[in-house]
């Protein structure tokens, strides 16, 4: 099939009479008709679909992009593609659409021009276009590459599908009105084009830290925080980590996707942050302040008849969302740029892989470059409501904690390892567990999974103190006999003994959990036969 025809079909939309080109202010006015005004003066909107439809997403193109195994539903999508495109061709001529153009990134190297078409057959869906404008920058049409996405929420529910044509820069979102599809749709395509230009698109937050070391000298580090949605990536990307001594502080860059270059520099993508709204002012003060500003836009958050917002009420969904503006995080916590300089201009880079486990994994581990590359490939966590609410709590592994990789995942791991080794003298890698310890999951008499033992959870402030200790270089480390990594003996502000495994498990239980996890890791890493052997060895030797 000639997929270039898909691009022509979308480009042809621009000048059609059924397509309306509205500016941001017009989109705002029309959208607010369908929202609820909150106590903060911002608006909350409701969608029918409340999480991404990964199970209905299919990549089309050459063998380079068609690398993912398909489930039965996805196979039907592939089988029916010619008929679907024929239906689309006719529908694009009939339905009313709004067209919005934005720019991704703010740099002189790579700023894709993004054109979105959102069907307003359901008039309330104009909010999708409005909310998306809050994420990206004003357009510069001469920028390359040109990316296109068409979202048709009213498409038949039984035919919901996300059709991705990475090499053409085109995505169709059919049957979903979730904002996350248009946001991630453009980022996914941009990551493919970035890789074609020698960069690595990564699903990670980014920031700069200024921290005082043990000698009293202020050092400046860039920091990457990898993590699946719902694990704390945005929370810690937008936290001050109590770096409050004179000269210390944070400079928040991005919360989601950035492009990493071989010299360690980082190119940001967005001006707005798409965060989960289970937030509170004590543990997430910067995010809470931003979420209560007038220019924030909320989605599926509990708001009562008087406009009062209940951020921690998950009656509607465990995946309530909001788009906050980076500038609302406070001038003292950001810089003008959404990019980070090369490592030659910094004292180093801290790379953190955020996982969420509730059994025997340490709450923080210091890694070698090989172990860091292994952590990238393992991409361990548990399923959250952001991706598949039907599987909440289940163990999951996603390379790079990035569900949006297009192409060979092994290639991504080898590229990442190459960057680590090239900059080894200035890089530190860590595995952060934002879950806890103490969980034993068993089945009851009906076969349902039940947690038989309470979990001692890692509090947000505890992980923030750990990150502060890493930045200051004052944590006392020791070799962990179980995992072959380094774990802390002491962290200022954290009672490490609170997470001692012996308080929750017998020696036999610890052994069983460890052996099970090591076995799973080794089996998984060996499924990438072309991966650098040193990465595979790091898993085999340390679990």
Protein backbone atom coordinates (compact mmCIF):
# COMPACT_ATOMS: atom_id res chain seq x y z
CA UNK A 1 0.00 0.00 0.00
CA UNK A 2 1.26 3.48 -0.86
CA UNK A 3 1.11 5.22 2.51
CA UNK A 4 2.13 8.53 0.97
CA UNK A 5 -1.50 8.72 -0.19
CA UNK A 6 -2.45 8.98 3.48
CA UNK A 7 -0.38 12.13 3.82
CA UNK A 8 -1.91 13.62 0.68
CA UNK A 9 -5.37 12.85 2.03
CA UNK A 10 -4.64 14.81 5.21
CA UNK A 11 -2.86 17.70 3.50
CA UNK A 12 -5.88 18.10 1.25
CA UNK A 13 -8.00 18.94 4.31
CA UNK A 14 -6.39 22.31 4.93
CA UNK A 15 -8.38 24.32 2.40
CA UNK A 16 -11.64 22.38 2.49
CA UNK A 17 -14.86 24.34 3.28
CA UNK A 18 -15.74 21.99 6.18
CA UNK A 19 -12.51 22.87 8.02
CA UNK A 20 -12.51 25.92 10.32
CA UNK A 21 -9.28 27.67 11.26
CA UNK A 22 -9.73 29.19 14.72
CA UNK A 23 -7.21 31.02 16.86
CA UNK A 24 -6.56 30.12 20.49
CA UNK A 25 -8.91 32.76 21.87
CA UNK A 26 -11.76 31.56 19.67
CA UNK A 27 -11.10 27.97 20.73
CA UNK A 28 -11.12 29.00 24.39
CA UNK A 29 -14.44 30.84 24.14
CA UNK A 30 -16.16 27.99 22.33
CA UNK A 31 -14.71 25.31 24.62
CA UNK A 32 -15.71 26.98 27.86
CA UNK A 33 -19.36 26.59 26.87
CA UNK A 34 -18.96 22.87 27.56
CA UNK A 35 -16.89 23.02 30.75
CA UNK A 36 -17.42 23.74 34.44
CA UNK A 37 -15.80 26.83 35.89
CA UNK A 38 -13.88 26.01 39.06
CA UNK A 39 -13.17 27.97 42.23
CA UNK A 40 -9.80 28.88 40.68
CA UNK A 41 -11.32 30.50 37.60
CA UNK A 42 -10.12 27.70 35.30
CA UNK A 43 -12.29 25.09 33.57
CA UNK A 44 -12.82 21.37 33.95
CA UNK A 45 -13.96 19.26 30.99
CA UNK A 46 -15.22 15.69 30.75
CA UNK A 47 -14.30 13.06 28.19
CA UNK A 48 -15.97 9.74 27.44
CA UNK A 49 -12.65 7.89 27.11
CA UNK A 50 -10.36 8.45 30.08
CA UNK A 51 -7.09 6.76 29.23
CA UNK A 52 -4.95 5.94 26.20
CA UNK A 53 -6.06 3.11 23.92
CA UNK A 54 -2.71 1.34 23.56
CA UNK A 55 -4.51 -1.92 22.79
CA UNK A 56 -6.03 -0.32 19.67
CA UNK A 57 -2.88 1.42 18.38
CA UNK A 58 -1.16 0.09 15.25
CA UNK A 59 1.94 1.30 13.36
CA UNK A 60 1.94 1.13 9.55
CA UNK A 61 4.84 1.49 7.17
CA UNK A 62 8.08 -0.29 6.33
CA UNK A 63 9.48 -3.18 8.38
CA UNK A 64 11.52 -0.64 10.35
CA UNK A 65 8.38 0.63 12.09
CA UNK A 66 6.29 -2.55 12.17
CA UNK A 67 8.20 -4.19 15.02
CA UNK A 68 5.52 -4.62 17.69
CA UNK A 69 3.55 -7.84 18.19
CA UNK A 70 -0.15 -7.40 17.51
CA UNK A 71 -3.06 -8.57 19.62
CA UNK A 72 -6.16 -10.04 17.86
CA UNK A 73 -7.94 -6.67 17.85
CA UNK A 74 -4.94 -4.95 16.26
CA UNK A 75 -4.73 -7.69 13.62
CA UNK A 76 -8.31 -6.92 12.65
CA UNK A 77 -7.38 -3.24 12.35
CA UNK A 78 -4.60 -4.16 9.92
CA UNK A 79 -6.89 -6.44 7.96
CA UNK A 80 -9.57 -3.76 7.63
CA UNK A 81 -7.21 -0.84 6.90
CA UNK A 82 -8.17 -0.40 3.19
CA UNK A 83 -11.87 -0.24 4.11
CA UNK A 84 -11.17 2.10 7.04
CA UNK A 85 -9.19 4.49 4.86
CA UNK A 86 -11.95 4.48 2.28
CA UNK A 87 -14.48 5.38 5.00
CA UNK A 88 -12.12 8.08 6.24
CA UNK A 89 -11.70 9.57 2.79
CA UNK A 90 -15.43 10.14 2.56
CA UNK A 91 -15.88 11.30 6.14
CA UNK A 92 -13.13 13.91 5.91
CA UNK A 93 -15.15 15.62 3.18
CA UNK A 94 -18.36 15.73 5.22
CA UNK A 95 -17.72 16.25 8.93
CA UNK A 96 -16.93 19.67 10.45
CA UNK A 97 -13.34 20.03 11.69
CA UNK A 98 -11.28 22.65 13.44
CA UNK A 99 -7.68 22.98 12.31
CA UNK A 100 -5.00 24.04 14.78
CA UNK A 101 -1.29 24.53 14.08
CA UNK A 102 1.43 24.52 16.72
CA UNK A 103 5.20 24.19 17.05
CA UNK A 104 6.95 21.56 19.14
CA UNK A 105 10.12 22.69 20.87
CA UNK A 106 12.01 25.96 21.14
CA UNK A 107 15.42 25.66 19.55
CA UNK A 108 17.26 26.16 16.26
CA UNK A 109 17.71 22.45 15.47
CA UNK A 110 14.49 20.46 15.63
CA UNK A 111 11.04 22.04 15.99
CA UNK A 112 8.37 20.00 14.18
CA UNK A 113 5.39 21.87 12.76
CA UNK A 114 2.24 20.16 14.06
CA UNK A 115 -1.16 20.39 12.37
CA UNK A 116 -4.17 18.90 14.17
CA UNK A 117 -7.66 18.37 12.77
CA UNK A 118 -10.31 17.68 15.40
CA UNK A 119 -13.84 16.76 14.40
CA UNK A 120 -16.52 18.90 16.06
CA UNK A 121 -19.40 16.71 14.95
CA UNK A 122 -19.71 16.44 18.73
CA UNK A 123 -19.45 20.14 19.47
CA UNK A 124 -18.02 19.69 22.95
CA UNK A 125 -14.94 18.05 21.42
CA UNK A 126 -13.64 21.45 20.43
CA UNK A 127 -12.09 21.35 23.93
CA UNK A 128 -9.55 18.78 22.64
CA UNK A 129 -8.12 21.31 20.20
CA UNK A 130 -8.16 24.05 22.84
CA UNK A 131 -6.42 21.96 25.49
CA UNK A 132 -3.79 20.83 22.99
CA UNK A 133 -2.88 24.44 22.18
CA UNK A 134 -1.95 24.84 25.86
CA UNK A 135 0.76 22.20 25.43
CA UNK A 136 2.73 23.51 22.43
CA UNK A 137 4.07 26.80 21.11
CA UNK A 138 2.80 29.28 18.52
CA UNK A 139 3.44 27.94 15.01
CA UNK A 140 6.21 28.72 12.56
CA UNK A 141 4.96 27.01 9.36
CA UNK A 142 8.38 26.91 7.68
CA UNK A 143 9.72 24.49 10.30
CA UNK A 144 10.36 20.81 9.48
CA UNK A 145 9.26 18.09 9.75
CA UNK A 146 5.53 18.58 9.20
CA UNK A 147 3.41 16.30 11.38
CA UNK A 148 -0.36 15.72 11.08
CA UNK A 149 -3.00 14.20 13.35
CA UNK A 150 -6.73 13.78 12.75
CA UNK A 151 -8.95 13.01 15.74
CA UNK A 152 -12.53 11.84 15.17
CA UNK A 153 -14.06 11.11 18.59
CA UNK A 154 -17.47 10.10 17.23
CA UNK A 155 -16.09 7.17 15.21
CA UNK A 156 -17.92 3.97 16.14
CA UNK A 157 -16.83 2.74 19.56
CA UNK A 158 -16.60 -0.86 18.37
CA UNK A 159 -14.13 0.33 15.72
CA UNK A 160 -11.91 2.44 17.99
CA UNK A 161 -8.40 2.58 16.53
CA UNK A 162 -5.29 4.73 16.48
CA UNK A 163 -3.58 4.44 13.10
CA UNK A 164 0.03 5.62 13.12
CA UNK A 165 2.03 6.19 9.92
CA UNK A 166 5.37 7.30 11.43
CA UNK A 167 7.35 7.64 8.21
CA UNK A 168 4.64 9.86 6.72
CA UNK A 169 4.16 11.88 9.92
CA UNK A 170 0.43 11.10 10.04
CA UNK A 171 -1.80 9.70 12.81
CA UNK A 172 -5.56 9.07 12.88
CA UNK A 173 -7.32 8.83 16.26
CA UNK A 174 -10.71 7.22 15.70
CA UNK A 175 -13.28 6.71 18.46
CA UNK A 176 -11.50 8.40 21.37
CA UNK A 177 -11.99 11.89 22.83
CA UNK A 178 -9.09 11.57 25.28
CA UNK A 179 -6.62 14.45 25.17
CA UNK A 180 -3.71 12.09 25.77
CA UNK A 181 -4.09 10.62 22.28
CA UNK A 182 -3.43 13.90 20.46
CA UNK A 183 -0.63 14.87 22.85
CA UNK A 184 1.19 11.54 22.64
CA UNK A 185 0.35 11.13 18.95
CA UNK A 186 2.49 14.11 17.98
CA UNK A 187 5.26 13.28 20.45
CA UNK A 188 5.43 9.70 19.16
CA UNK A 189 5.90 10.86 15.57
CA UNK A 190 8.44 13.50 16.62
CA UNK A 191 10.51 10.89 18.46
CA UNK A 192 10.72 8.85 15.26
CA UNK A 193 11.94 11.83 13.23
CA UNK A 194 14.37 12.82 16.00
CA UNK A 195 15.95 9.37 15.88
CA UNK A 196 16.34 9.76 12.12
CA UNK A 197 18.36 12.90 12.89
CA UNK A 198 20.72 11.23 15.36
CA UNK A 199 18.89 12.08 18.59
CA UNK A 200 17.08 9.79 21.01
CA UNK A 201 13.52 10.70 21.92
CA UNK A 202 12.95 9.62 25.51
CA UNK A 203 9.93 9.46 27.80
CA UNK A 204 11.54 11.41 30.63
CA UNK A 205 11.21 14.57 32.63
CA UNK A 206 14.18 16.95 32.66
CA UNK A 207 15.46 19.60 35.03
CA UNK A 208 18.61 21.32 36.26
CA UNK A 209 19.73 21.08 39.88
CA UNK A 210 21.95 23.47 41.81
CA UNK A 211 23.24 21.69 44.90
CA UNK A 212 25.89 22.39 47.54
CA UNK A 213 28.37 19.55 47.92
CA UNK A 214 30.11 18.50 51.16
CA UNK A 215 32.81 21.15 50.60
CA UNK A 216 30.22 23.91 50.27
CA UNK A 217 30.67 24.36 46.52
CA UNK A 218 27.56 24.84 44.37
CA UNK A 219 27.42 22.36 41.50
CA UNK A 220 25.00 22.32 38.59
CA UNK A 221 23.64 19.06 37.18
CA UNK A 222 21.12 18.21 34.52
CA UNK A 223 18.69 15.48 35.51
CA UNK A 224 16.58 13.03 33.54
CA UNK A 225 13.71 11.18 35.21
CA UNK A 226 12.43 8.17 33.29
CA UNK A 227 9.10 6.65 34.28
CA UNK A 228 5.80 5.32 33.05
CA UNK A 229 2.71 7.46 33.55
CA UNK A 230 1.54 7.40 37.14
CA UNK A 231 4.88 6.48 38.75
CA UNK A 232 5.92 9.97 39.88
CA UNK A 233 7.80 11.27 36.85
CA UNK A 234 5.95 14.60 36.73
CA UNK A 235 5.81 14.84 40.53
CA UNK A 236 9.59 14.73 40.86
CA UNK A 237 10.29 16.62 37.65
CA UNK A 238 8.33 19.48 39.22
CA UNK A 239 9.65 19.29 42.80
CA UNK A 240 12.17 21.53 44.56
CA UNK A 241 13.68 18.58 46.53
CA UNK A 242 14.21 20.89 49.49
CA UNK A 243 17.31 22.36 47.84
CA UNK A 244 16.90 25.54 49.85
CA UNK A 245 20.37 26.48 51.05
CA UNK A 246 21.94 29.63 49.63
CA UNK A 247 22.71 29.17 45.94
CA UNK A 248 20.72 25.94 45.66
CA UNK A 249 17.57 25.41 43.62
CA UNK A 250 15.92 23.71 40.68
CA UNK A 251 15.27 24.77 37.09
CA UNK A 252 12.36 22.73 35.72
CA UNK A 253 12.68 22.01 32.01
CA UNK A 254 10.14 19.36 30.96
CA UNK A 255 7.92 16.66 32.48
CA UNK A 256 7.36 14.17 29.68
CA UNK A 257 9.33 13.80 26.43
CA UNK A 258 12.70 15.29 25.45
CA UNK A 259 15.30 14.65 22.76
CA UNK A 260 18.70 13.55 24.08
CA UNK A 261 21.85 14.23 22.05
CA UNK A 262 25.21 12.44 22.23
CA UNK A 263 26.85 15.37 24.00
CA UNK A 264 24.31 15.10 26.82
CA UNK A 265 22.35 18.18 25.78
CA UNK A 266 18.55 18.03 25.88
CA UNK A 267 15.95 19.59 23.61
CA UNK A 268 12.56 20.15 25.22
CA UNK A 269 9.21 19.75 23.48
CA UNK A 270 6.33 21.46 25.30
CA UNK A 271 5.34 24.60 27.15
CA UNK A 272 2.52 22.93 29.07
CA UNK A 273 2.69 19.88 31.33
CA UNK A 274 0.03 17.12 31.17
CA UNK A 275 -0.14 15.84 34.73
CA UNK A 276 -2.21 13.44 36.81
CA UNK A 277 -4.28 15.47 39.24
CA UNK A 278 -3.98 13.30 42.37
CA UNK A 279 -2.07 16.16 43.95
CA UNK A 280 -1.92 17.83 47.34
CA UNK A 281 -0.31 21.10 48.43
CA UNK A 282 1.95 19.62 51.11
CA UNK A 283 3.81 17.03 49.04
CA UNK A 284 3.56 18.66 45.60
CA UNK A 285 3.59 22.39 46.32
CA UNK A 286 4.86 23.56 42.93
CA UNK A 287 2.41 21.43 40.96
CA UNK A 288 -0.49 22.38 43.25
CA UNK A 289 0.26 26.07 42.84
CA UNK A 290 0.31 25.70 39.04
CA UNK A 291 -2.86 23.56 38.98
CA UNK A 292 -4.82 26.25 40.79
CA UNK A 293 -3.96 29.00 38.30
CA UNK A 294 -6.52 30.47 35.92
CA UNK A 295 -4.75 29.26 32.75
CA UNK A 296 -4.75 25.61 33.83
CA UNK A 297 -7.19 23.31 32.03
CA UNK A 298 -8.58 20.26 33.84
CA UNK A 299 -10.02 17.02 32.46
CA UNK A 300 -12.18 14.50 34.35
CA UNK A 301 -11.43 16.00 37.77
CA UNK A 302 -14.14 15.95 40.44
CA UNK A 303 -15.70 19.42 40.63
CA UNK A 304 -18.92 20.01 42.59
CA UNK A 305 -21.92 22.18 41.73
CA UNK A 306 -20.27 25.22 43.34
CA UNK A 307 -17.01 24.79 41.44
CA UNK A 308 -15.00 23.34 44.33
CA UNK A 309 -12.20 21.06 43.10
CA UNK A 310 -11.46 17.71 44.76
CA UNK A 311 -8.10 16.65 43.33
CA UNK A 312 -7.86 13.44 45.37
CA UNK A 313 -11.40 12.23 44.61
CA UNK A 314 -11.15 9.41 42.05
CA UNK A 315 -14.90 8.75 41.72
CA UNK A 316 -14.85 9.63 38.02
CA UNK A 317 -11.49 8.07 37.19
CA UNK A 318 -8.11 7.28 38.68
CA UNK A 319 -6.63 9.15 35.72
CA UNK A 320 -7.85 12.71 36.21
CA UNK A 321 -5.67 15.09 34.20
CA UNK A 322 -4.73 18.71 33.86
CA UNK A 323 -2.61 20.89 31.61
CA UNK A 324 -0.56 23.34 33.65
CA UNK A 325 1.73 26.00 32.27
CA UNK A 326 5.43 25.62 32.96
CA UNK A 327 5.60 29.33 33.74
CA UNK A 328 3.13 28.82 36.61
CA UNK A 329 5.66 26.69 38.50
CA UNK A 330 7.24 29.93 39.69
CA UNK A 331 9.91 32.13 38.15
CA UNK A 332 12.38 30.96 40.76
CA UNK A 333 11.98 27.35 39.58
CA UNK A 334 12.32 27.70 35.81
CA UNK A 335 14.56 29.30 33.20
CA UNK A 336 13.57 30.90 29.92
CA UNK A 337 14.78 27.85 27.98
CA UNK A 338 13.14 24.41 27.83
CA UNK A 339 16.50 22.96 26.77
CA UNK A 340 19.57 21.82 28.71
CA UNK A 341 23.20 22.54 27.69
CA UNK A 342 25.78 19.87 26.82
CA UNK A 343 27.60 18.16 29.68
CA UNK A 344 30.75 20.13 28.91
CA UNK A 345 28.97 23.16 30.41
CA UNK A 346 27.74 21.34 33.54
CA UNK A 347 29.20 19.45 36.49
CA UNK A 348 27.40 16.31 35.37
CA UNK A 349 24.09 14.56 34.74
CA UNK A 350 21.91 12.51 37.09
CA UNK A 351 19.77 9.86 35.38
CA UNK A 352 16.96 8.36 37.44
CA UNK A 353 14.81 5.42 36.39
CA UNK A 354 11.57 5.55 38.35
CA UNK A 355 9.88 2.26 39.05
CA UNK A 356 6.97 1.40 41.31
CA UNK A 357 7.34 -1.92 43.11
CA UNK A 358 5.93 -3.02 46.44
CA UNK A 359 8.01 -6.02 47.50
CA UNK A 360 11.80 -6.55 47.74
CA UNK A 361 13.29 -3.89 45.45
CA UNK A 362 15.37 -1.23 47.29
CA UNK A 363 13.89 2.25 47.32
CA UNK A 364 17.06 3.59 45.67
CA UNK A 365 20.00 1.89 43.97
CA UNK A 366 23.14 3.42 42.47
CA UNK A 367 23.97 1.85 39.10
CA UNK A 368 26.95 1.38 36.81
CA UNK A 369 26.52 2.50 33.16
CA UNK A 370 25.82 -1.12 32.21
CA UNK A 371 23.24 -1.46 34.97
CA UNK A 372 21.78 1.88 33.89
CA UNK A 373 21.40 0.65 30.31
CA UNK A 374 19.82 -2.52 31.70
CA UNK A 375 17.37 -0.46 33.76
CA UNK A 376 16.50 1.42 30.56
CA UNK A 377 15.77 -1.86 28.75
CA UNK A 378 13.89 -3.46 31.65
CA UNK A 379 11.64 -0.42 32.10
CA UNK A 380 10.05 -1.98 35.16
CA UNK A 381 6.96 -0.81 36.98
CA UNK A 382 3.37 -1.72 37.65
CA UNK A 383 0.37 -0.87 35.48
CA UNK A 384 -1.48 2.34 36.37
CA UNK A 385 -4.82 3.87 35.38
CA UNK A 386 -3.03 6.12 32.85
CA UNK A 387 -2.43 3.29 30.37
CA UNK A 388 -4.73 0.34 31.10
CA UNK A 389 -7.11 0.59 34.08
CA UNK A 390 -8.09 -3.05 33.55
CA UNK A 391 -4.58 -4.12 34.63
CA UNK A 392 -3.87 -1.75 37.54
CA UNK A 393 -1.18 -3.17 39.81
CA UNK A 394 0.11 -5.79 37.38
CA UNK A 395 3.85 -6.03 36.72
CA UNK A 396 4.83 -4.40 33.46
CA UNK A 397 8.07 -3.89 31.50
CA UNK A 398 8.37 -1.22 28.82
CA UNK A 399 11.73 -0.44 27.18
CA UNK A 400 12.83 3.05 28.19
CA UNK A 401 9.58 3.30 30.18
CA UNK A 402 8.47 4.57 26.79
CA UNK A 403 5.28 3.04 25.31
CA UNK A 404 5.72 5.29 22.26
CA UNK A 405 8.89 3.86 20.72
CA UNK A 406 8.60 3.42 16.97
CA UNK A 407 10.95 0.85 15.49
CA UNK A 408 13.51 -1.51 16.98
CA UNK A 409 13.59 -1.29 20.79
CA UNK A 410 17.02 -2.95 20.86
CA UNK A 411 18.39 -0.12 18.75
CA UNK A 412 17.09 2.38 21.31
CA UNK A 413 18.87 0.52 24.12
CA UNK A 414 22.16 0.36 22.25
CA UNK A 415 21.98 4.08 21.41
CA UNK A 416 21.27 4.91 25.04
CA UNK A 417 24.19 2.78 26.25
CA UNK A 418 26.48 4.47 23.71
CA UNK A 419 25.51 7.87 25.16
CA UNK A 420 26.15 6.62 28.71
CA UNK A 421 29.61 5.28 27.86
CA UNK A 422 30.61 8.35 25.87
CA UNK A 423 29.83 10.57 28.86
CA UNK A 424 30.66 8.06 31.62
CA UNK A 425 32.87 10.42 33.57
CA UNK A 426 30.02 12.90 34.02
CA UNK A 427 27.00 10.58 34.45
CA UNK A 428 25.38 9.04 37.51
CA UNK A 429 22.56 6.46 37.16
CA UNK A 430 20.01 5.51 39.81
CA UNK A 431 16.95 3.30 40.15
CA UNK A 432 14.26 4.96 42.29
CA UNK A 433 11.40 2.87 43.67
CA UNK A 434 8.39 5.11 44.39
CA UNK A 435 6.33 2.13 45.54
CA UNK A 436 7.39 0.52 48.80
CA UNK A 437 7.82 -2.81 50.56
CA UNK A 438 5.61 -5.25 52.42
CA UNK A 439 3.11 -6.44 49.82
CA UNK A 440 2.10 -10.08 49.54
CA UNK A 441 -0.50 -10.71 46.84
CA UNK A 442 -2.50 -13.92 47.03
CA UNK A 443 -5.68 -15.26 45.47
CA UNK A 444 -8.87 -15.62 47.49
CA UNK A 445 -11.34 -18.47 47.16
CA UNK A 446 -12.85 -16.80 44.06
CA UNK A 447 -9.52 -16.38 42.29
CA UNK A 448 -9.36 -12.63 42.93
CA UNK A 449 -6.01 -11.02 43.78
CA UNK A 450 -5.88 -9.75 47.36
CA UNK A 451 -3.11 -7.87 49.19
CA UNK A 452 -2.58 -9.85 52.40
CA UNK A 453 0.01 -7.58 53.99
CA UNK A 454 0.12 -3.76 54.21
CA UNK A 455 2.69 -1.84 52.18
CA UNK A 456 5.08 0.64 53.72
CA UNK A 457 5.03 3.20 50.95
CA UNK A 458 7.76 5.62 49.94
CA UNK A 459 6.41 9.09 50.60
CA UNK A 460 6.94 11.83 48.03
CA UNK A 461 8.96 13.87 50.51
CA UNK A 462 11.20 10.87 51.23
CA UNK A 463 12.07 10.43 47.57
CA UNK A 464 12.59 14.19 47.29
CA UNK A 465 15.11 13.99 50.15
CA UNK A 466 16.85 11.08 48.41
CA UNK A 467 17.19 13.12 45.21
CA UNK A 468 18.55 16.02 47.28
CA UNK A 469 21.11 13.69 48.85
CA UNK A 470 22.16 12.43 45.41
CA UNK A 471 22.56 15.97 44.10
CA UNK A 472 24.58 17.04 47.13
CA UNK A 473 26.69 13.88 46.96
CA UNK A 474 26.28 13.17 50.67
CA UNK A 475 24.52 9.76 50.71
CA UNK A 476 26.54 6.97 52.31
CA UNK A 477 26.45 3.96 49.98
CA UNK A 478 27.13 0.28 50.49
CA UNK A 479 27.15 -2.72 48.17
CA UNK A 480 23.85 -4.59 48.18
CA UNK A 481 24.53 -8.34 48.44
CA UNK A 482 21.24 -9.25 46.76
CA UNK A 483 21.25 -7.00 43.70
CA UNK A 484 24.92 -6.20 43.10
CA UNK A 485 24.18 -2.47 43.08
CA UNK A 486 24.89 0.15 45.74
CA UNK A 487 22.18 1.06 48.24
CA UNK A 488 22.20 3.75 50.94
CA UNK A 489 23.26 3.26 54.55
CA UNK A 490 22.05 6.72 55.47
CA UNK A 491 20.01 9.49 53.82
CA UNK A 492 19.34 12.78 55.56
CA UNK A 493 15.58 13.14 56.14
CA UNK A 494 14.77 9.47 55.49
CA UNK A 495 14.52 6.57 57.93
CA UNK A 496 16.04 3.88 55.72
CA UNK A 497 15.38 1.22 58.38
CA UNK A 498 11.66 1.74 57.78
CA UNK A 499 12.06 -0.24 54.54
CA UNK A 500 14.11 -3.15 55.89
CA UNK A 501 12.85 -6.32 54.26
CA UNK A 502 13.27 -8.33 57.45
CA UNK A 503 10.43 -6.35 59.02
CA UNK A 504 7.98 -7.70 56.47
CA UNK A 505 9.20 -11.06 55.18
CA UNK A 506 10.78 -14.26 56.35
CA UNK A 507 14.16 -15.19 54.83
CA UNK A 508 12.34 -17.77 52.72
CA UNK A 509 9.92 -15.17 51.36
CA UNK A 510 12.75 -12.76 50.53
CA UNK A 511 14.60 -15.49 48.67
CA UNK A 512 11.49 -16.48 46.71
CA UNK A 513 10.70 -12.89 45.68
CA UNK A 514 14.30 -12.16 44.69
CA UNK A 515 14.69 -15.35 42.66
CA UNK A 516 11.40 -14.73 40.88
CA UNK A 517 12.32 -11.16 39.92
CA UNK A 518 15.84 -12.12 38.81
CA UNK A 519 14.48 -14.93 36.66
CA UNK A 520 11.90 -12.63 35.05
CA UNK A 521 14.56 -10.01 34.32
CA UNK A 522 16.98 -12.48 32.73
CA UNK A 523 14.25 -14.02 30.55
CA UNK A 524 13.12 -10.56 29.45
CA UNK A 525 16.57 -9.14 28.65
CA UNK A 526 17.43 -12.25 26.62
CA UNK A 527 14.47 -11.52 24.35
CA UNK A 528 16.69 -8.80 22.80
CA UNK A 529 19.44 -10.93 21.18
CA UNK A 530 21.03 -7.98 19.35
CA UNK A 531 21.40 -5.95 22.52
CA UNK A 532 24.98 -5.09 23.57
CA UNK A 533 26.27 -8.12 25.48
CA UNK A 534 27.52 -5.95 28.35
CA UNK A 535 23.92 -4.86 29.06
CA UNK A 536 22.72 -8.47 29.07
CA UNK A 537 25.59 -9.45 31.37
CA UNK A 538 24.67 -6.69 33.79
CA UNK A 539 21.28 -8.33 34.26
CA UNK A 540 22.61 -11.89 34.39
CA UNK A 541 25.22 -10.99 36.99
CA UNK A 542 23.12 -8.79 39.25
CA UNK A 543 19.54 -9.79 38.48
